[in-house]
Each structure stands twice: as structure tokens, then as C-alpha cells.
Amino acid sequence: MDSLIINGANSECMSIFLEDTSSRHTDKHIIMFADQASWHMSDILKIPENISLLPLPAHSPHLNPTESILHELREKWFYNRYFDSLVCVEDRLFEALIAIENDSVSVKSILALIGLLALFRLLSSIISNFNSFSMG
């Protein structure tokens, strides 16, 4: 898992994140999920050669690994906490992201849960379509 604390959510910031991630993994090709936020689909987005963006269906946060990581951050690192300043929030976020990046077991379990949920939804859809076809 790679993360970057950056001030903004736009195509320029996303391009910086992609370049940073690409430079960390020059020997790999990365397939990265992207929701349909405008900065993930922008024509000005700079996508490095060793990264492919895989768009997720609209309105499907349950399939987005980032949403699951954010949930983990909120529950384990920010739940019912008071911070004296934005700097304290950023420090806590940095600490949390490093801990999550170094805990491959937790990251794998979060991603496995998303995979199981996606598989369940796919099978439910197939069964529903099959029942409609055979009944109709």
C-alpha cells in the first residue's frame, strides 16, 4: 500500500501521487482502482507507464479499497479523539498510514473482504438473472 499526505484533491495532486507511487515501484506494473471522481478521469491526469487505472462502477464505495482503508483509519486511529491543531491531526495521520503500510496482514484482510463482497454481489446478480430467466 502506498499513501501520500497532500493538500488537495484534484488532477494535479493525483498526478503527483501516481508519480510518487510509480517511482517507488519501478520494477512493477501497478493496477490501481479508481472511483469516478473527476480528478481520476481527467484528460490532464498524468499516468505513468507502469500504472494502469481500473475504474470502479459509479456509486460503489464497497468495492473501493481506499474506502476500507479510510474506515480502518477512522475506527482505529481517529475514533473519539481531540486534536489541539491541524499539525497534530497530520502527525497522527502520518503515524497511522505508516503503521497500516507496514501491516501487510491487515491490508490483505481488508482487500480480501472487498473481494469476497464483490464476488457475493456478482453471484447474487447471476442467481437473480437466472431466476428471472427460468421463471419468465
N, C-alpha and C. Protein backbone atom coordinates (compact mmCIF):
# COMPACT_ATOMS: atom_id res chain seq x y z
N MET A 1 0.84 -1.17 0.00
CA MET A 1 0.00 0.00 0.00
C MET A 1 0.89 1.24 0.00
N ASP A 2 0.53 2.20 -0.81
CA ASP A 2 1.23 3.47 -0.86
C ASP A 2 0.27 4.58 -0.50
N SER A 3 0.79 5.57 0.18
CA SER A 3 -0.03 6.72 0.54
C SER A 3 0.81 7.98 0.46
N LEU A 4 0.13 9.10 0.38
CA LEU A 4 0.80 10.39 0.31
C LEU A 4 -0.12 11.42 0.92
N ILE A 5 0.34 12.13 1.91
CA ILE A 5 -0.46 13.21 2.51
C ILE A 5 -0.19 14.45 1.67
N ILE A 6 -1.24 14.95 1.03
CA ILE A 6 -1.10 16.07 0.12
C ILE A 6 -2.30 16.99 0.29
N ASN A 7 -2.09 18.26 0.12
CA ASN A 7 -3.12 19.25 0.36
C ASN A 7 -3.93 19.50 -0.90
N GLY A 8 -4.91 18.65 -1.13
CA GLY A 8 -5.78 18.86 -2.28
C GLY A 8 -6.33 17.57 -2.83
N ALA A 9 -7.38 17.72 -3.62
CA ALA A 9 -7.98 16.58 -4.31
C ALA A 9 -8.35 17.07 -5.70
N ASN A 10 -7.36 16.98 -6.59
CA ASN A 10 -7.58 17.40 -7.97
C ASN A 10 -6.61 16.62 -8.86
N SER A 11 -6.68 16.87 -10.14
CA SER A 11 -5.85 16.12 -11.09
C SER A 11 -4.36 16.32 -10.85
N GLU A 12 -3.97 17.53 -10.49
CA GLU A 12 -2.56 17.80 -10.22
C GLU A 12 -2.06 16.98 -9.03
N CYS A 13 -2.85 16.95 -7.96
CA CYS A 13 -2.46 16.16 -6.78
C CYS A 13 -2.45 14.67 -7.09
N MET A 14 -3.44 14.21 -7.86
CA MET A 14 -3.49 12.80 -8.23
C MET A 14 -2.29 12.44 -9.09
N SER A 15 -1.89 13.32 -9.99
CA SER A 15 -0.70 13.07 -10.83
C SER A 15 0.55 12.97 -9.98
N ILE A 16 0.66 13.82 -8.95
CA ILE A 16 1.80 13.76 -8.03
C ILE A 16 1.81 12.42 -7.30
N PHE A 17 0.64 11.99 -6.82
CA PHE A 17 0.53 10.70 -6.13
C PHE A 17 0.92 9.55 -7.06
N LEU A 18 0.42 9.56 -8.29
CA LEU A 18 0.74 8.49 -9.23
C LEU A 18 2.24 8.45 -9.53
N GLU A 19 2.85 9.61 -9.71
CA GLU A 19 4.29 9.67 -9.99
C GLU A 19 5.09 9.15 -8.79
N ASP A 20 4.68 9.54 -7.59
CA ASP A 20 5.35 9.08 -6.38
C ASP A 20 5.24 7.56 -6.25
N THR A 21 4.04 7.03 -6.47
CA THR A 21 3.82 5.58 -6.39
C THR A 21 4.63 4.87 -7.46
N SER A 22 4.62 5.40 -8.67
CA SER A 22 5.37 4.81 -9.76
C SER A 22 6.86 4.73 -9.44
N SER A 23 7.39 5.80 -8.86
CA SER A 23 8.83 5.84 -8.56
C SER A 23 9.21 4.87 -7.44
N ARG A 24 8.26 4.52 -6.60
CA ARG A 24 8.52 3.53 -5.54
C ARG A 24 8.55 2.09 -6.07
N HIS A 25 7.94 1.88 -7.22
CA HIS A 25 7.78 0.52 -7.76
C HIS A 25 8.17 0.47 -9.24
N THR A 26 9.37 0.90 -9.55
CA THR A 26 9.80 0.98 -10.95
C THR A 26 9.87 -0.38 -11.62
N ASP A 27 10.03 -1.44 -10.83
CA ASP A 27 10.17 -2.78 -11.39
C ASP A 27 8.83 -3.52 -11.49
N LYS A 28 7.71 -2.83 -11.22
CA LYS A 28 6.40 -3.48 -11.23
C LYS A 28 5.43 -2.69 -12.10
N HIS A 29 4.39 -3.41 -12.56
CA HIS A 29 3.26 -2.72 -13.19
C HIS A 29 2.12 -2.73 -12.18
N ILE A 30 1.57 -1.57 -11.89
CA ILE A 30 0.57 -1.39 -10.85
C ILE A 30 -0.80 -1.22 -11.49
N ILE A 31 -1.75 -2.02 -11.01
CA ILE A 31 -3.14 -1.82 -11.39
C ILE A 31 -3.81 -1.19 -10.18
N MET A 32 -4.30 0.03 -10.35
CA MET A 32 -4.86 0.80 -9.24
C MET A 32 -6.34 1.05 -9.49
N PHE A 33 -7.17 0.74 -8.48
CA PHE A 33 -8.59 1.05 -8.55
C PHE A 33 -8.78 2.55 -8.45
N ALA A 34 -9.73 3.06 -9.21
CA ALA A 34 -10.06 4.49 -9.15
C ALA A 34 -11.57 4.64 -9.23
N ASP A 35 -12.13 5.37 -8.28
CA ASP A 35 -13.56 5.65 -8.39
C ASP A 35 -13.76 6.68 -9.49
N GLN A 36 -14.95 7.14 -9.66
CA GLN A 36 -15.20 8.04 -10.78
C GLN A 36 -15.14 9.52 -10.40
N ALA A 37 -14.30 9.82 -9.42
CA ALA A 37 -14.04 11.23 -9.09
C ALA A 37 -13.45 11.91 -10.32
N SER A 38 -13.81 13.16 -10.52
CA SER A 38 -13.39 13.85 -11.75
C SER A 38 -11.87 13.87 -11.90
N TRP A 39 -11.12 13.98 -10.81
CA TRP A 39 -9.66 14.04 -10.92
C TRP A 39 -9.04 12.68 -11.22
N HIS A 40 -9.81 11.60 -11.11
CA HIS A 40 -9.30 10.27 -11.50
C HIS A 40 -9.49 10.01 -12.99
N MET A 41 -10.38 10.77 -13.61
CA MET A 41 -10.73 10.53 -15.01
C MET A 41 -10.36 11.69 -15.93
N SER A 42 -9.72 12.69 -15.40
CA SER A 42 -9.42 13.91 -16.14
C SER A 42 -8.45 13.68 -17.30
N ASP A 43 -8.63 14.43 -18.36
CA ASP A 43 -7.72 14.37 -19.51
C ASP A 43 -6.33 14.90 -19.17
N ILE A 44 -6.23 15.74 -18.14
CA ILE A 44 -4.92 16.30 -17.78
C ILE A 44 -4.17 15.44 -16.76
N LEU A 45 -4.79 14.36 -16.33
CA LEU A 45 -4.13 13.46 -15.39
C LEU A 45 -2.92 12.81 -16.06
N LYS A 46 -1.78 12.84 -15.37
CA LYS A 46 -0.55 12.24 -15.90
C LYS A 46 -0.38 10.87 -15.27
N ILE A 47 -0.57 9.83 -16.09
CA ILE A 47 -0.49 8.45 -15.61
C ILE A 47 0.83 7.84 -16.08
N PRO A 48 1.71 7.48 -15.14
CA PRO A 48 2.99 6.86 -15.52
C PRO A 48 2.78 5.55 -16.28
N GLU A 49 3.78 5.17 -17.07
CA GLU A 49 3.67 3.98 -17.90
C GLU A 49 3.49 2.70 -17.11
N ASN A 50 3.99 2.65 -15.88
CA ASN A 50 3.88 1.41 -15.12
C ASN A 50 2.64 1.37 -14.22
N ILE A 51 1.67 2.25 -14.49
CA ILE A 51 0.41 2.26 -13.73
C ILE A 51 -0.76 2.21 -14.70
N SER A 52 -1.72 1.34 -14.38
CA SER A 52 -3.00 1.30 -15.10
C SER A 52 -4.10 1.58 -14.09
N LEU A 53 -5.00 2.50 -14.43
CA LEU A 53 -6.13 2.78 -13.57
C LEU A 53 -7.32 1.92 -13.98
N LEU A 54 -7.88 1.23 -13.01
CA LEU A 54 -9.05 0.38 -13.23
C LEU A 54 -10.26 1.09 -12.65
N PRO A 55 -11.13 1.62 -13.51
CA PRO A 55 -12.27 2.38 -12.98
C PRO A 55 -13.29 1.46 -12.30
N LEU A 56 -13.78 1.91 -11.16
CA LEU A 56 -14.82 1.20 -10.44
C LEU A 56 -16.18 1.68 -10.92
N PRO A 57 -17.21 0.85 -10.78
CA PRO A 57 -18.56 1.32 -11.14
C PRO A 57 -18.96 2.52 -10.28
N ALA A 58 -19.79 3.36 -10.83
CA ALA A 58 -20.28 4.52 -10.07
C ALA A 58 -21.04 4.06 -8.84
N HIS A 59 -20.95 4.85 -7.79
CA HIS A 59 -21.70 4.61 -6.54
C HIS A 59 -21.44 3.22 -5.96
N SER A 60 -20.18 2.84 -5.89
CA SER A 60 -19.84 1.51 -5.34
C SER A 60 -18.68 1.62 -4.34
N PRO A 61 -18.86 2.38 -3.27
CA PRO A 61 -17.77 2.52 -2.31
C PRO A 61 -17.36 1.20 -1.67
N HIS A 62 -18.28 0.22 -1.64
CA HIS A 62 -17.98 -1.08 -1.07
C HIS A 62 -16.92 -1.83 -1.87
N LEU A 63 -16.68 -1.43 -3.11
CA LEU A 63 -15.65 -2.07 -3.94
C LEU A 63 -14.34 -1.30 -3.94
N ASN A 64 -14.32 -0.15 -3.30
CA ASN A 64 -13.15 0.73 -3.33
C ASN A 64 -12.24 0.45 -2.13
N PRO A 65 -11.05 -0.10 -2.36
CA PRO A 65 -10.14 -0.39 -1.25
C PRO A 65 -9.80 0.84 -0.42
N THR A 66 -9.74 2.00 -1.05
CA THR A 66 -9.42 3.22 -0.31
C THR A 66 -10.47 3.51 0.76
N GLU A 67 -11.73 3.28 0.43
CA GLU A 67 -12.80 3.50 1.41
C GLU A 67 -12.61 2.60 2.62
N SER A 68 -12.20 1.37 2.39
CA SER A 68 -11.98 0.43 3.51
C SER A 68 -10.79 0.85 4.36
N ILE A 69 -9.75 1.35 3.73
CA ILE A 69 -8.59 1.84 4.48
C ILE A 69 -8.99 3.08 5.29
N LEU A 70 -9.79 3.97 4.69
CA LEU A 70 -10.26 5.16 5.41
C LEU A 70 -11.11 4.76 6.62
N HIS A 71 -11.93 3.74 6.46
CA HIS A 71 -12.73 3.23 7.58
C HIS A 71 -11.81 2.72 8.70
N GLU A 72 -10.78 1.99 8.32
CA GLU A 72 -9.80 1.49 9.29
C GLU A 72 -9.12 2.65 10.02
N LEU A 73 -8.75 3.69 9.28
CA LEU A 73 -8.14 4.87 9.90
C LEU A 73 -9.08 5.53 10.90
N ARG A 74 -10.32 5.73 10.47
CA ARG A 74 -11.28 6.38 11.37
C ARG A 74 -11.51 5.56 12.64
N GLU A 75 -11.70 4.26 12.49
CA GLU A 75 -12.03 3.41 13.64
C GLU A 75 -10.87 3.22 14.61
N LYS A 76 -9.67 3.04 14.09
CA LYS A 76 -8.55 2.67 14.95
C LYS A 76 -7.62 3.82 15.32
N TRP A 77 -7.65 4.89 14.55
CA TRP A 77 -6.68 5.96 14.77
C TRP A 77 -7.30 7.30 15.11
N PHE A 78 -8.57 7.51 14.76
CA PHE A 78 -9.17 8.82 14.96
C PHE A 78 -10.47 8.78 15.76
N TYR A 79 -10.92 7.61 16.15
CA TYR A 79 -12.20 7.48 16.84
C TYR A 79 -12.18 8.21 18.18
N ASN A 80 -13.14 9.12 18.35
CA ASN A 80 -13.34 9.83 19.62
C ASN A 80 -12.07 10.51 20.13
N ARG A 81 -11.36 11.15 19.23
CA ARG A 81 -10.10 11.83 19.57
C ARG A 81 -10.25 13.33 19.40
N TYR A 82 -9.55 14.05 20.23
CA TYR A 82 -9.48 15.50 20.14
C TYR A 82 -8.04 15.88 19.81
N PHE A 83 -7.85 16.79 18.87
CA PHE A 83 -6.52 17.24 18.49
C PHE A 83 -6.40 18.74 18.72
N ASP A 84 -5.26 19.16 19.20
CA ASP A 84 -5.04 20.57 19.50
C ASP A 84 -4.83 21.43 18.26
N SER A 85 -4.41 20.78 17.16
CA SER A 85 -4.14 21.56 15.94
C SER A 85 -4.19 20.64 14.73
N LEU A 86 -4.21 21.27 13.56
CA LEU A 86 -4.18 20.51 12.31
C LEU A 86 -2.85 19.76 12.18
N VAL A 87 -1.79 20.33 12.68
CA VAL A 87 -0.48 19.66 12.67
C VAL A 87 -0.56 18.34 13.45
N CYS A 88 -1.26 18.35 14.58
CA CYS A 88 -1.43 17.13 15.38
C CYS A 88 -2.24 16.08 14.60
N VAL A 89 -3.24 16.53 13.86
CA VAL A 89 -4.03 15.61 13.02
C VAL A 89 -3.13 15.00 11.95
N GLU A 90 -2.34 15.83 11.28
CA GLU A 90 -1.44 15.35 10.23
C GLU A 90 -0.40 14.38 10.80
N ASP A 91 0.12 14.68 11.98
CA ASP A 91 1.09 13.77 12.62
C ASP A 91 0.46 12.41 12.90
N ARG A 92 -0.77 12.44 13.42
CA ARG A 92 -1.48 11.19 13.70
C ARG A 92 -1.76 10.43 12.41
N LEU A 93 -2.15 11.13 11.36
CA LEU A 93 -2.41 10.50 10.07
C LEU A 93 -1.14 9.86 9.53
N PHE A 94 -0.02 10.56 9.62
CA PHE A 94 1.26 10.03 9.15
C PHE A 94 1.59 8.74 9.92
N GLU A 95 1.46 8.78 11.22
CA GLU A 95 1.73 7.61 12.07
C GLU A 95 0.82 6.43 11.67
N ALA A 96 -0.45 6.72 11.46
CA ALA A 96 -1.42 5.68 11.11
C ALA A 96 -1.11 5.07 9.75
N LEU A 97 -0.81 5.90 8.76
CA LEU A 97 -0.53 5.39 7.42
C LEU A 97 0.73 4.53 7.40
N ILE A 98 1.75 4.94 8.12
CA ILE A 98 2.98 4.13 8.20
C ILE A 98 2.67 2.78 8.84
N ALA A 99 1.89 2.80 9.92
CA ALA A 99 1.54 1.54 10.60
C ALA A 99 0.74 0.62 9.68
N ILE A 100 -0.21 1.18 8.95
CA ILE A 100 -1.02 0.36 8.03
C ILE A 100 -0.16 -0.16 6.89
N GLU A 101 0.70 0.70 6.32
CA GLU A 101 1.58 0.26 5.23
C GLU A 101 2.48 -0.89 5.68
N ASN A 102 2.91 -0.87 6.93
CA ASN A 102 3.81 -1.91 7.44
C ASN A 102 3.08 -3.15 7.94
N ASP A 103 1.74 -3.13 7.95
CA ASP A 103 0.95 -4.26 8.42
C ASP A 103 0.28 -4.94 7.23
N SER A 104 1.07 -5.69 6.49
CA SER A 104 0.55 -6.31 5.27
C SER A 104 -0.58 -7.29 5.55
N VAL A 105 -0.60 -7.91 6.71
CA VAL A 105 -1.67 -8.85 7.05
C VAL A 105 -3.02 -8.12 7.10
N SER A 106 -3.06 -6.96 7.76
CA SER A 106 -4.30 -6.19 7.83
C SER A 106 -4.73 -5.69 6.45
N VAL A 107 -3.78 -5.19 5.67
CA VAL A 107 -4.11 -4.71 4.33
C VAL A 107 -4.68 -5.85 3.49
N LYS A 108 -4.05 -7.02 3.55
CA LYS A 108 -4.54 -8.17 2.78
C LYS A 108 -5.93 -8.59 3.24
N SER A 109 -6.20 -8.55 4.55
CA SER A 109 -7.52 -8.95 5.02
C SER A 109 -8.58 -7.95 4.60
N ILE A 110 -8.24 -6.65 4.61
CA ILE A 110 -9.18 -5.63 4.14
C ILE A 110 -9.50 -5.86 2.66
N LEU A 111 -8.47 -6.10 1.87
CA LEU A 111 -8.68 -6.31 0.43
C LEU A 111 -9.40 -7.62 0.15
N ALA A 112 -9.13 -8.66 0.94
CA ALA A 112 -9.83 -9.94 0.77
C ALA A 112 -11.31 -9.78 1.04
N LEU A 113 -11.66 -9.00 2.06
CA LEU A 113 -13.06 -8.76 2.38
C LEU A 113 -13.76 -8.06 1.22
N ILE A 114 -13.10 -7.10 0.60
CA ILE A 114 -13.68 -6.41 -0.55
C ILE A 114 -13.90 -7.41 -1.69
N GLY A 115 -12.92 -8.27 -1.91
CA GLY A 115 -13.04 -9.29 -2.96
C GLY A 115 -14.20 -10.23 -2.71
N LEU A 116 -14.37 -10.65 -1.46
CA LEU A 116 -15.48 -11.54 -1.13
C LEU A 116 -16.82 -10.85 -1.32
N LEU A 117 -16.90 -9.58 -0.91
CA LEU A 117 -18.12 -8.83 -1.09
C LEU A 117 -18.46 -8.67 -2.58
N ALA A 118 -17.47 -8.36 -3.38
CA ALA A 118 -17.68 -8.22 -4.83
C ALA A 118 -18.14 -9.55 -5.44
N LEU A 119 -17.51 -10.65 -5.01
CA LEU A 119 -17.89 -11.96 -5.51
C LEU A 119 -19.32 -12.30 -5.10
N PHE A 120 -19.69 -12.00 -3.85
CA PHE A 120 -21.04 -12.26 -3.37
C PHE A 120 -22.06 -11.48 -4.20
N ARG A 121 -21.78 -10.20 -4.46
CA ARG A 121 -22.70 -9.38 -5.24
C ARG A 121 -22.82 -9.91 -6.68
N LEU A 122 -21.71 -10.34 -7.24
CA LEU A 122 -21.73 -10.90 -8.60
C LEU A 122 -22.57 -12.17 -8.63
N LEU A 123 -22.34 -13.07 -7.68
CA LEU A 123 -23.12 -14.32 -7.63
C LEU A 123 -24.60 -14.04 -7.39
N SER A 124 -24.91 -13.09 -6.54
CA SER A 124 -26.31 -12.72 -6.30
C SER A 124 -26.97 -12.23 -7.58
N SER A 125 -26.23 -11.43 -8.33
CA SER A 125 -26.75 -10.91 -9.59
C SER A 125 -26.99 -12.04 -10.59
N ILE A 126 -26.03 -12.96 -10.67
CA ILE A 126 -26.17 -14.10 -11.60
C ILE A 126 -27.37 -14.95 -11.21
N ILE A 127 -27.52 -15.23 -9.92
CA ILE A 127 -28.64 -16.04 -9.45
C ILE A 127 -29.96 -15.33 -9.73
N SER A 128 -30.00 -14.03 -9.46
CA SER A 128 -31.21 -13.25 -9.71
C SER A 128 -31.57 -13.28 -11.20
N ASN A 129 -30.57 -13.08 -12.06
CA ASN A 129 -30.82 -13.11 -13.50
C ASN A 129 -31.25 -14.50 -13.95
N PHE A 130 -30.65 -15.53 -13.40
CA PHE A 130 -31.00 -16.90 -13.75
C PHE A 130 -32.46 -17.18 -13.35
N ASN A 131 -32.85 -16.77 -12.11
CA ASN A 131 -34.22 -16.98 -11.64
C ASN A 131 -35.21 -16.23 -12.50
N SER A 132 -34.89 -15.01 -12.92
CA SER A 132 -35.76 -14.23 -13.78
C SER A 132 -35.92 -14.90 -15.14
N PHE A 133 -34.81 -15.44 -15.65
CA PHE A 133 -34.82 -16.10 -16.96
C PHE A 133 -35.63 -17.39 -16.90
N SER A 134 -35.41 -18.21 -15.86
CA SER A 134 -36.07 -19.51 -15.79
C SER A 134 -37.54 -19.38 -15.43
N MET A 135 -37.92 -18.30 -14.76
CA MET A 135 -39.32 -18.09 -14.37
C MET A 135 -40.11 -17.46 -15.50
N GLY A 136 -39.41 -16.71 -16.31
CA GLY A 136 -40.10 -15.87 -17.27
C GLY A 136 -40.37 -16.51 -18.55
